C-alpha atoms as a PDB file:
ATOM      1  CA  MET A   1     253.147 -93.637  54.166  1.00  0.00           C
ATOM      2  CA  LYS A   2     251.074 -91.391  51.877  1.00  0.00           C
ATOM      3  CA  LEU A   3     250.590 -88.858  54.682  1.00  0.00           C
ATOM      4  CA  PHE A   4     254.343 -88.762  55.300  1.00  0.00           C
ATOM      5  CA  ARG A   5     254.985 -88.200  51.574  1.00  0.00           C
ATOM      6  CA  ASP A   6     252.381 -85.432  51.494  1.00  0.00           C
ATOM      7  CA  ILE A   7     253.893 -83.682  54.521  1.00  0.00           C
ATOM      8  CA  LEU A   8     257.330 -83.935  52.921  1.00  0.00           C
ATOM      9  CA  LEU A   9     256.029 -82.405  49.677  1.00  0.00           C
ATOM     10  CA  ILE A  10     254.256 -79.657  51.613  1.00  0.00           C
ATOM     11  CA  THR A  11     257.434 -78.844  53.567  1.00  0.00           C
ATOM     12  CA  PHE A  12     259.651 -78.636  50.484  1.00  0.00           C
ATOM     13  CA  GLY A  13     256.976 -76.781  48.502  1.00  0.00           C
ATOM     14  CA  SER A  14     256.435 -74.255  51.304  1.00  0.00           C
ATOM     15  CA  PHE A  15     260.163 -73.623  51.603  1.00  0.00           C
ATOM     16  CA  ILE A  16     260.648 -73.139  47.842  1.00  0.00           C
ATOM     17  CA  TYR A  17     257.612 -70.859  47.686  1.00  0.00           C
ATOM     18  CA  ALA A  18     258.732 -68.730  50.635  1.00  0.00           C
ATOM     19  CA  LEU A  19     262.349 -68.491  49.463  1.00  0.00           C
ATOM     20  CA  ALA A  20     261.252 -67.403  45.983  1.00  0.00           C
ATOM     21  CA  LEU A  21     259.394 -64.517  47.614  1.00  0.00           C
ATOM     22  CA  THR A  22     262.006 -63.428  50.152  1.00  0.00           C
ATOM     23  CA  GLY A  23     265.000 -64.141  47.909  1.00  0.00           C
ATOM     24  CA  LEU A  24     263.773 -62.920  44.524  1.00  0.00           C
ATOM     25  CA  ALA A  25     260.471 -61.037  44.679  1.00  0.00           C
ATOM     26  CA  ILE A  26     260.734 -58.804  47.763  1.00  0.00           C
ATOM     27  CA  PRO A  27     264.388 -57.646  47.360  1.00  0.00           C
ATOM     28  CA  ASN A  28     263.572 -56.550  43.810  1.00  0.00           C
ATOM     29  CA  ASN A  29     260.389 -54.686  44.799  1.00  0.00           C
ATOM     30  CA  LEU A  30     258.060 -57.197  43.162  1.00  0.00           C
ATOM     31  CA  ALA A  31     254.741 -58.400  44.534  1.00  0.00           C
ATOM     32  CA  GLU A  32     252.850 -61.684  44.384  1.00  0.00           C
ATOM     33  CA  GLY A  33     249.252 -62.786  44.220  1.00  0.00           C
ATOM     34  CA  GLY A  34     247.087 -64.074  47.004  1.00  0.00           C
ATOM     35  CA  VAL A  35     247.476 -63.432  50.700  1.00  0.00           C
ATOM     36  CA  ALA A  36     251.256 -63.536  50.404  1.00  0.00           C
ATOM     37  CA  GLY A  37     250.984 -60.738  47.841  1.00  0.00           C
ATOM     38  CA  ALA A  38     248.758 -58.709  50.132  1.00  0.00           C
ATOM     39  CA  SER A  39     251.278 -59.271  52.931  1.00  0.00           C
ATOM     40  CA  ILE A  40     254.112 -58.077  50.684  1.00  0.00           C
ATOM     41  CA  ILE A  41     252.205 -54.938  49.681  1.00  0.00           C
ATOM     42  CA  LEU A  42     251.531 -54.187  53.362  1.00  0.00           C
ATOM     43  CA  HIS A  43     255.236 -54.758  54.016  1.00  0.00           C
ATOM     44  CA  TYR A  44     256.174 -52.153  51.377  1.00  0.00           C
ATOM     45  CA  ALA A  45     253.572 -49.673  52.629  1.00  0.00           C
ATOM     46  CA  LEU A  46     253.815 -50.104  56.426  1.00  0.00           C
ATOM     47  CA  ASP A  47     257.032 -52.118  56.929  1.00  0.00           C
ATOM     48  CA  TRP A  48     255.100 -54.976  58.538  1.00  0.00           C
ATOM     49  CA  SER A  49     256.685 -58.429  58.729  1.00  0.00           C
ATOM     50  CA  VAL A  50     255.600 -60.503  55.728  1.00  0.00           C
ATOM     51  CA  GLY A  51     255.641 -63.750  57.697  1.00  0.00           C
ATOM     52  CA  ILE A  52     253.540 -62.464  60.609  1.00  0.00           C
ATOM     53  CA  THR A  53     251.052 -60.637  58.363  1.00  0.00           C
ATOM     54  CA  ASN A  54     250.676 -63.705  56.159  1.00  0.00           C
ATOM     55  CA  PHE A  55     250.025 -65.882  59.230  1.00  0.00           C
ATOM     56  CA  LEU A  56     247.291 -63.561  60.525  1.00  0.00           C
ATOM     57  CA  LEU A  57     245.542 -63.132  57.165  1.00  0.00           C
ATOM     58  CA  THR A  58     245.579 -66.839  56.309  1.00  0.00           C
ATOM     59  CA  GLY A  59     244.218 -67.611  59.766  1.00  0.00           C
ATOM     60  CA  ILE A  60     241.221 -65.346  59.142  1.00  0.00           C
ATOM     61  CA  ILE A  61     240.548 -66.878  55.719  1.00  0.00           C
ATOM     62  CA  LEU A  62     240.762 -70.422  57.087  1.00  0.00           C
ATOM     63  CA  VAL A  63     238.244 -69.608  59.807  1.00  0.00           C
ATOM     64  CA  VAL A  64     235.827 -68.397  57.117  1.00  0.00           C
ATOM     65  CA  GLY A  65     236.573 -71.052  54.475  1.00  0.00           C
ATOM     66  CA  TYR A  66     237.077 -74.271  56.432  1.00  0.00           C
ATOM     67  CA  ARG A  67     233.408 -75.299  56.189  1.00  0.00           C
ATOM     68  CA  TYR A  68     233.463 -75.235  52.384  1.00  0.00           C
ATOM     69  CA  LEU A  69     236.466 -77.500  51.847  1.00  0.00           C
ATOM     70  CA  PRO A  70     236.992 -81.248  52.283  1.00  0.00           C
ATOM     71  CA  LYS A  71     238.255 -82.225  55.701  1.00  0.00           C
ATOM     72  CA  ARG A  72     241.498 -83.633  54.297  1.00  0.00           C
ATOM     73  CA  THR A  73     242.246 -80.358  52.484  1.00  0.00           C
ATOM     74  CA  ILE A  74     241.658 -78.402  55.685  1.00  0.00           C
ATOM     75  CA  ARG A  75     243.920 -80.711  57.706  1.00  0.00           C
ATOM     76  CA  LEU A  76     246.736 -80.383  55.173  1.00  0.00           C
ATOM     77  CA  THR A  77     246.233 -76.620  54.880  1.00  0.00           C
ATOM     78  CA  LEU A  78     246.548 -76.305  58.657  1.00  0.00           C
ATOM     79  CA  ILE A  79     250.051 -77.720  58.160  1.00  0.00           C
ATOM     80  CA  THR A  80     250.848 -75.702  55.027  1.00  0.00           C
ATOM     81  CA  ALA A  81     249.772 -72.197  56.083  1.00  0.00           C
ATOM     82  CA  PRO A  82     251.911 -71.998  59.257  1.00  0.00           C
ATOM     83  CA  LEU A  83     254.878 -73.533  57.403  1.00  0.00           C
ATOM     84  CA  ILE A  84     254.758 -70.896  54.665  1.00  0.00           C
ATOM     85  CA  SER A  85     254.477 -68.108  57.235  1.00  0.00           C
ATOM     86  CA  PHE A  86     257.346 -69.597  59.255  1.00  0.00           C
ATOM     87  CA  PHE A  87     259.645 -69.894  56.232  1.00  0.00           C
ATOM     88  CA  LEU A  88     258.730 -66.354  55.157  1.00  0.00           C
ATOM     89  CA  PHE A  89     259.572 -65.070  58.643  1.00  0.00           C
ATOM     90  CA  ILE A  90     262.963 -66.789  58.988  1.00  0.00           C
ATOM     91  CA  THR A  91     264.133 -65.886  55.464  1.00  0.00           C
ATOM     92  CA  GLU A  92     263.108 -62.199  55.466  1.00  0.00           C
ATOM     93  CA  ASN A  93     265.898 -59.698  54.671  1.00  0.00           C
ATOM     94  CA  ILE A  94     268.492 -62.353  53.800  1.00  0.00           C
ATOM     95  CA  MET A  95     268.991 -61.469  50.107  1.00  0.00           C
ATOM     96  CA  GLU A  96     270.142 -58.386  48.235  1.00  0.00           C
ATOM     97  CA  PRO A  97     268.399 -57.216  45.025  1.00  0.00           C
ATOM     98  CA  LEU A  98     269.735 -58.727  41.799  1.00  0.00           C
ATOM     99  CA  GLY A  99     269.505 -55.418  39.948  1.00  0.00           C
ATOM    100  CA  ASP A 100     267.407 -56.865  37.121  1.00  0.00           C
ATOM    101  CA  PRO A 101     263.707 -57.031  38.057  1.00  0.00           C
ATOM    102  CA  LEU A 102     262.729 -58.831  34.839  1.00  0.00           C
ATOM    103  CA  VAL A 103     265.108 -61.740  35.453  1.00  0.00           C
ATOM    104  CA  SER A 104     264.000 -61.755  39.084  1.00  0.00           C
ATOM    105  CA  ALA A 105     260.352 -61.904  38.008  1.00  0.00           C
ATOM    106  CA  VAL A 106     260.986 -64.821  35.639  1.00  0.00           C
ATOM    107  CA  PHE A 107     262.796 -66.952  38.194  1.00  0.00           C
ATOM    108  CA  ALA A 108     260.569 -65.904  41.084  1.00  0.00           C
ATOM    109  CA  GLY A 109     257.527 -66.967  39.056  1.00  0.00           C
ATOM    110  CA  PHE A 110     259.125 -70.275  38.133  1.00  0.00           C
ATOM    111  CA  PHE A 111     260.042 -71.236  41.686  1.00  0.00           C
ATOM    112  CA  ILE A 112     256.787 -69.901  43.138  1.00  0.00           C
ATOM    113  CA  GLY A 113     254.938 -72.127  40.657  1.00  0.00           C
ATOM    114  CA  ILE A 114     257.063 -75.158  41.519  1.00  0.00           C
ATOM    115  CA  GLY A 115     256.408 -74.690  45.233  1.00  0.00           C
ATOM    116  CA  THR A 116     252.710 -74.085  44.642  1.00  0.00           C
ATOM    117  CA  GLY A 117     252.431 -77.172  42.454  1.00  0.00           C
ATOM    118  CA  MET A 118     254.070 -79.378  45.063  1.00  0.00           C
ATOM    119  CA  ILE A 119     251.611 -78.122  47.678  1.00  0.00           C
ATOM    120  CA  LEU A 120     248.509 -78.433  45.477  1.00  0.00           C
ATOM    121  CA  ARG A 121     249.576 -81.908  44.354  1.00  0.00           C
ATOM    122  CA  THR A 122     248.951 -83.175  47.894  1.00  0.00           C
ATOM    123  CA  GLY A 123     245.413 -81.769  47.915  1.00  0.00           C
ATOM    124  CA  SER A 124     246.389 -78.924  50.223  1.00  0.00           C
ATOM    125  CA  SER A 125     246.533 -75.184  49.531  1.00  0.00           C
ATOM    126  CA  MET A 126     248.606 -72.200  50.604  1.00  0.00           C
ATOM    127  CA  GLY A 127     245.849 -71.201  53.002  1.00  0.00           C
ATOM    128  CA  GLY A 128     245.175 -67.816  51.414  1.00  0.00           C
ATOM    129  CA  SER A 129     243.574 -66.977  48.094  1.00  0.00           C
ATOM    130  CA  THR A 130     243.936 -70.631  47.139  1.00  0.00           C
ATOM    131  CA  VAL A 131     241.355 -71.450  49.822  1.00  0.00           C
ATOM    132  CA  ILE A 132     238.967 -69.114  47.987  1.00  0.00           C
ATOM    133  CA  ALA A 133     239.942 -70.743  44.677  1.00  0.00           C
ATOM    134  CA  GLN A 134     239.463 -74.199  46.220  1.00  0.00           C
ATOM    135  CA  MET A 135     235.963 -73.187  47.374  1.00  0.00           C
ATOM    136  CA  PHE A 136     235.053 -72.166  43.833  1.00  0.00           C
ATOM    137  CA  HIS A 137     236.685 -75.344  42.495  1.00  0.00           C
ATOM    138  CA  TYR A 138     234.885 -77.784  44.787  1.00  0.00           C
ATOM    139  CA  ASN A 139     231.511 -76.023  44.806  1.00  0.00           C
ATOM    140  CA  LEU A 140     231.260 -74.582  41.284  1.00  0.00           C
ATOM    141  CA  GLY A 141     233.787 -76.663  39.349  1.00  0.00           C
ATOM    142  CA  TRP A 142     235.931 -73.664  38.381  1.00  0.00           C
ATOM    143  CA  ASP A 143     239.464 -74.354  37.195  1.00  0.00           C
ATOM    144  CA  LEU A 144     241.778 -74.151  40.206  1.00  0.00           C
ATOM    145  CA  THR A 145     244.858 -72.474  38.725  1.00  0.00           C
ATOM    146  CA  ARG A 146     242.933 -70.067  36.469  1.00  0.00           C
ATOM    147  CA  THR A 147     240.678 -68.908  39.323  1.00  0.00           C
ATOM    148  CA  ASN A 148     243.723 -68.437  41.494  1.00  0.00           C
ATOM    149  CA  LEU A 149     245.404 -66.440  38.701  1.00  0.00           C
ATOM    150  CA  VAL A 150     242.453 -64.019  38.457  1.00  0.00           C
ATOM    151  CA  ILE A 151     242.474 -63.458  42.231  1.00  0.00           C
ATOM    152  CA  ASP A 152     246.241 -62.978  42.153  1.00  0.00           C
ATOM    153  CA  ILE A 153     246.078 -60.369  39.379  1.00  0.00           C
ATOM    154  CA  ALA A 154     243.361 -58.469  41.258  1.00  0.00           C
ATOM    155  CA  ILE A 155     245.535 -58.325  44.382  1.00  0.00           C
ATOM    156  CA  VAL A 156     248.656 -57.329  42.439  1.00  0.00           C
ATOM    157  CA  THR A 157     246.774 -54.573  40.619  1.00  0.00           C
ATOM    158  CA  SER A 158     245.624 -53.184  43.980  1.00  0.00           C
ATOM    159  CA  GLY A 159     249.282 -52.469  44.810  1.00  0.00           C
ATOM    160  CA  LEU A 160     249.879 -50.474  41.630  1.00  0.00           C
ATOM    161  CA  LEU A 161     250.439 -47.168  43.477  1.00  0.00           C
ATOM    162  CA  ILE A 162     252.908 -48.756  45.892  1.00  0.00           C
ATOM    163  CA  ILE A 163     255.260 -50.737  43.635  1.00  0.00           C
ATOM    164  CA  GLY A 164     254.693 -48.697  40.459  1.00  0.00           C
ATOM    165  CA  PRO A 165     253.374 -49.704  37.023  1.00  0.00           C
ATOM    166  CA  LEU A 166     256.641 -51.229  35.760  1.00  0.00           C
ATOM    167  CA  ASN A 167     257.095 -53.572  38.726  1.00  0.00           C
ATOM    168  CA  THR A 168     253.394 -54.395  38.581  1.00  0.00           C
ATOM    169  CA  MET A 169     253.841 -55.554  34.993  1.00  0.00           C
ATOM    170  CA  TYR A 170     256.914 -57.583  35.992  1.00  0.00           C
ATOM    171  CA  THR A 171     254.844 -59.161  38.761  1.00  0.00           C
ATOM    172  CA  ILE A 172     252.101 -60.136  36.285  1.00  0.00           C
ATOM    173  CA  ILE A 173     254.800 -61.829  34.184  1.00  0.00           C
ATOM    174  CA  ALA A 174     255.867 -63.728  37.298  1.00  0.00           C
ATOM    175  CA  LEU A 175     252.255 -64.768  37.947  1.00  0.00           C
ATOM    176  CA  TYR A 176     251.889 -66.114  34.412  1.00  0.00           C
ATOM    177  CA  ILE A 177     255.141 -68.074  34.613  1.00  0.00           C
ATOM    178  CA  GLY A 178     254.097 -69.308  38.039  1.00  0.00           C
ATOM    179  CA  LYS A 179     250.833 -70.658  36.647  1.00  0.00           C
ATOM    180  CA  LYS A 180     252.662 -72.495  33.868  1.00  0.00           C
ATOM    181  CA  SER A 181     255.183 -74.073  36.240  1.00  0.00           C
ATOM    182  CA  THR A 182     252.340 -75.026  38.613  1.00  0.00           C
ATOM    183  CA  ASP A 183     250.615 -76.806  35.722  1.00  0.00           C
ATOM    184  CA  LEU A 184     253.927 -78.480  34.907  1.00  0.00           C
ATOM    185  CA  VAL A 185     254.120 -79.980  38.405  1.00  0.00           C
ATOM    186  CA  LEU A 186     250.433 -80.924  38.515  1.00  0.00           C
ATOM    187  CA  GLU A 187     250.194 -82.404  35.022  1.00  0.00           C
ATOM    188  CA  GLY A 188     253.761 -83.524  34.351  1.00  0.00           C
ATOM    189  CA  LEU A 189     255.858 -83.212  31.218  1.00  0.00           C
ATOM    190  CA  ASP A 190     254.083 -86.032  29.381  1.00  0.00           C
ATOM    191  CA  SER A 191     250.773 -84.329  28.564  1.00  0.00           C
ATOM    192  CA  ARG A 192     248.004 -86.263  26.850  1.00  0.00           C
ATOM    193  CA  LYS A 193     246.236 -85.723  23.546  1.00  0.00           C
ATOM    194  CA  ALA A 194     242.724 -86.843  22.627  1.00  0.00           C
ATOM    195  CA  VAL A 195     242.339 -87.646  18.941  1.00  0.00           C
ATOM    196  CA  SER A 196     238.980 -87.949  17.176  1.00  0.00           C
ATOM    197  CA  VAL A 197     239.135 -89.667  13.781  1.00  0.00           C
ATOM    198  CA  ILE A 198     236.088 -89.644  11.480  1.00  0.00           C
ATOM    199  CA  SER A 199     236.395 -92.250   8.773  1.00  0.00           C
ATOM    200  CA  ASN A 200     234.548 -95.009   6.883  1.00  0.00           C
ATOM    201  CA  LYS A 201     237.359 -97.288   8.052  1.00  0.00           C
ATOM    202  CA  ALA A 202     236.971 -96.642  11.765  1.00  0.00           C
ATOM    203  CA  MET A 203     237.316-100.293  12.790  1.00  0.00           C
ATOM    204  CA  GLU A 204     240.446-100.763  10.644  1.00  0.00           C
ATOM    205  CA  ILE A 205     241.990 -97.636  12.210  1.00  0.00           C
ATOM    206  CA  SER A 206     241.109 -98.898  15.679  1.00  0.00           C
ATOM    207  CA  GLU A 207     242.725-102.272  15.007  1.00  0.00           C
ATOM    208  CA  ALA A 208     245.854-100.631  13.566  1.00  0.00           C
ATOM    209  CA  VAL A 209     246.179 -98.332  16.596  1.00  0.00           C
ATOM    210  CA  ILE A 210     245.833-101.234  19.023  1.00  0.00           C
ATOM    211  CA  SER A 211     248.272-103.378  17.040  1.00  0.00           C
ATOM    212  CA  GLU A 212     250.991-100.840  16.221  1.00  0.00           C
ATOM    213  CA  MET A 213     250.795 -98.428  19.149  1.00  0.00           C
ATOM    214  CA  ARG A 214     249.714-100.755  21.959  1.00  0.00           C
ATOM    215  CA  THR A 215     247.055 -98.345  23.131  1.00  0.00           C
ATOM    216  CA  SER A 216     243.270 -98.477  23.277  1.00  0.00           C
ATOM    217  CA  ALA A 217     240.743 -96.972  20.887  1.00  0.00           C
ATOM    218  CA  THR A 218     236.981 -96.539  21.080  1.00  0.00           C
ATOM    219  CA  VAL A 219     234.670 -96.511  18.049  1.00  0.00           C
ATOM    220  CA  PHE A 220     231.411 -94.512  18.088  1.00  0.00           C
ATOM    221  CA  GLU A 221     228.625 -94.666  15.560  1.00  0.00           C
ATOM    222  CA  GLY A 222     227.942 -91.293  13.939  1.00  0.00           C
ATOM    223  CA  TYR A 223     225.997 -89.577  11.201  1.00  0.00           C
ATOM    224  CA  GLY A 224     227.302 -86.751   9.024  1.00  0.00           C
ATOM    225  CA  SER A 225     224.576 -84.112   8.702  1.00  0.00           C
ATOM    226  CA  TYR A 226     226.286 -82.411   5.735  1.00  0.00           C
ATOM    227  CA  MET A 227     226.964 -85.490   3.596  1.00  0.00           C
ATOM    228  CA  LEU A 228     223.851 -87.278   4.971  1.00  0.00           C
ATOM    229  CA  GLU A 229     225.667 -90.555   5.507  1.00  0.00           C
ATOM    230  CA  GLU A 230     226.843 -92.712   8.390  1.00  0.00           C
ATOM    231  CA  ARG A 231     230.429 -92.009   9.483  1.00  0.00           C
ATOM    232  CA  ASP A 232     231.965 -93.760  12.473  1.00  0.00           C
ATOM    233  CA  MET A 233     234.402 -92.000  14.791  1.00  0.00           C
ATOM    234  CA  THR A 234     237.449 -93.474  16.505  1.00  0.00           C
ATOM    235  CA  TYR A 235     238.445 -91.859  19.809  1.00  0.00           C
ATOM    236  CA  ILE A 236     242.028 -92.289  21.040  1.00  0.00           C
ATOM    237  CA  ILE A 237     243.998 -90.885  23.981  1.00  0.00           C
ATOM    238  CA  ILE A 238     247.782 -90.906  23.625  1.00  0.00           C
ATOM    239  CA  SER A 239     250.896 -89.242  24.970  1.00  0.00           C
ATOM    240  CA  LYS A 240     252.041 -86.098  23.170  1.00  0.00           C
ATOM    241  CA  HIS A 241     255.176 -87.762  21.828  1.00  0.00           C
ATOM    242  CA  GLN A 242     253.048 -90.481  20.148  1.00  0.00           C
ATOM    243  CA  LEU A 243     251.074 -88.020  18.029  1.00  0.00           C
ATOM    244  CA  MET A 244     253.276 -88.118  14.913  1.00  0.00           C
ATOM    245  CA  LYS A 245     253.263 -91.915  14.865  1.00  0.00           C
ATOM    246  CA  LEU A 246     249.470 -91.957  15.264  1.00  0.00           C
ATOM    247  CA  LYS A 247     249.084 -89.607  12.282  1.00  0.00           C
ATOM    248  CA  ARG A 248     251.183 -91.987  10.197  1.00  0.00           C
ATOM    249  CA  VAL A 249     249.123 -95.021  11.278  1.00  0.00           C
ATOM    250  CA  ILE A 250     245.848 -93.247  10.443  1.00  0.00           C
ATOM    251  CA  ASN A 251     247.138 -92.052   7.079  1.00  0.00           C
ATOM    252  CA  GLU A 252     248.232 -95.580   6.117  1.00  0.00           C
ATOM    253  CA  VAL A 253     244.704 -96.893   6.702  1.00  0.00           C
ATOM    254  CA  ASP A 254     242.701 -93.939   5.376  1.00  0.00           C
ATOM    255  CA  ASP A 255     244.438 -90.900   3.933  1.00  0.00           C
ATOM    256  CA  GLU A 256     241.083 -89.103   3.664  1.00  0.00           C
ATOM    257  CA  ALA A 257     240.187 -89.454   7.351  1.00  0.00           C
ATOM    258  CA  PHE A 258     239.148 -86.284   9.201  1.00  0.00           C
ATOM    259  CA  VAL A 259     241.284 -85.909  12.341  1.00  0.00           C
ATOM    260  CA  VAL A 260     240.810 -83.529  15.297  1.00  0.00           C
ATOM    261  CA  VAL A 261     243.404 -83.289  18.104  1.00  0.00           C
ATOM    262  CA  HIS A 262     242.483 -81.984  21.557  1.00  0.00           C
ATOM    263  CA  ASP A 263     244.565 -81.225  24.646  1.00  0.00           C
ATOM    264  CA  VAL A 264     243.731 -83.395  27.665  1.00  0.00           C
ATOM    265  CA  ARG A 265     244.391 -82.116  31.184  1.00  0.00           C
ATOM    266  CA  GLU A 266     244.132 -85.526  32.839  1.00  0.00           C
ATOM    267  CA  ALA A 267     243.288 -89.138  31.979  1.00  0.00           C
ATOM    268  CA  PHE A 268     243.025 -92.013  34.415  1.00  0.00           C
ATOM    269  CA  GLY A 269     241.083 -95.152  35.254  1.00  0.00           C
ATOM    270  CA  GLY A 270     239.746 -98.004  33.164  1.00  0.00           C
ATOM    271  CA  SER A 271     241.843 -99.701  30.499  1.00  0.00           C
ATOM    272  CA  PHE A 272     243.775 -96.470  29.878  1.00  0.00           C
ATOM    273  CA  SER A 273     245.540 -96.715  33.245  1.00  0.00           C
ATOM    274  CA  TRP A 274     246.312-100.388  32.667  1.00  0.00           C
ATOM    275  CA  ILE A 275     247.757 -99.732  29.209  1.00  0.00           C
ATOM    276  CA  THR A 276     249.941 -96.808  30.312  1.00  0.00           C
ATOM    277  CA  ARG A 277     251.502 -98.981  33.035  1.00  0.00           C
ATOM    278  CA  ARG A 278     252.551-101.710  30.585  1.00  0.00           C
END
């Protein structure tokens, strides 16, 4: 059942990704990052088919990179890469330019990011520069989307003489929007916040959080090196929309508490998962 869901996500993601390129990016003389971007630049320069070029380049990269990636990722990528190339091939030359490259860049980036996020959510990749990014991610722990963004910008910049500086800048805007919409799909709308509260009333704050917000809290023993006194810290992970209520709860217990709020990319497992399902 999970494999069927993953294949369905890969199919829809590949189609959205390909259509964003052939329907919005290419007709308006924009590029893209990764192997698809290299294929588009070669299309502008030599009039080669984007779909066929993308298929050949991703095939070469997969031959080189397959040994560095988990077997499941490789299996899913072997589905994804041909699908993207196929959708690129069948949708080439079907759209006319919109006449506004900036609007095209914004929406191309958004839909490219949505398609990319759907594919990456399954554990697969687009089979091009994302394979390189996945290698860095799995072997060195580098952030997947940021590494991919750097590779994408490098490829786009290489096509500066072909698409011109203005369209290159529009393409970089599309890449940035694409990264944000990819993160949106991967992380969801309900992002998490980690809150560290340093207070002499750490246990009271913890009890109030558990009682009023129905979420967990962890208390650590600490020592303030400046004031030279023991100060406990309460650590809480909440949804973004709960932050204002948490501030009120903390202030009611200790209005002199020192509070630090951090962004959290992902939280799962333990009592946190059990609480969030209640």
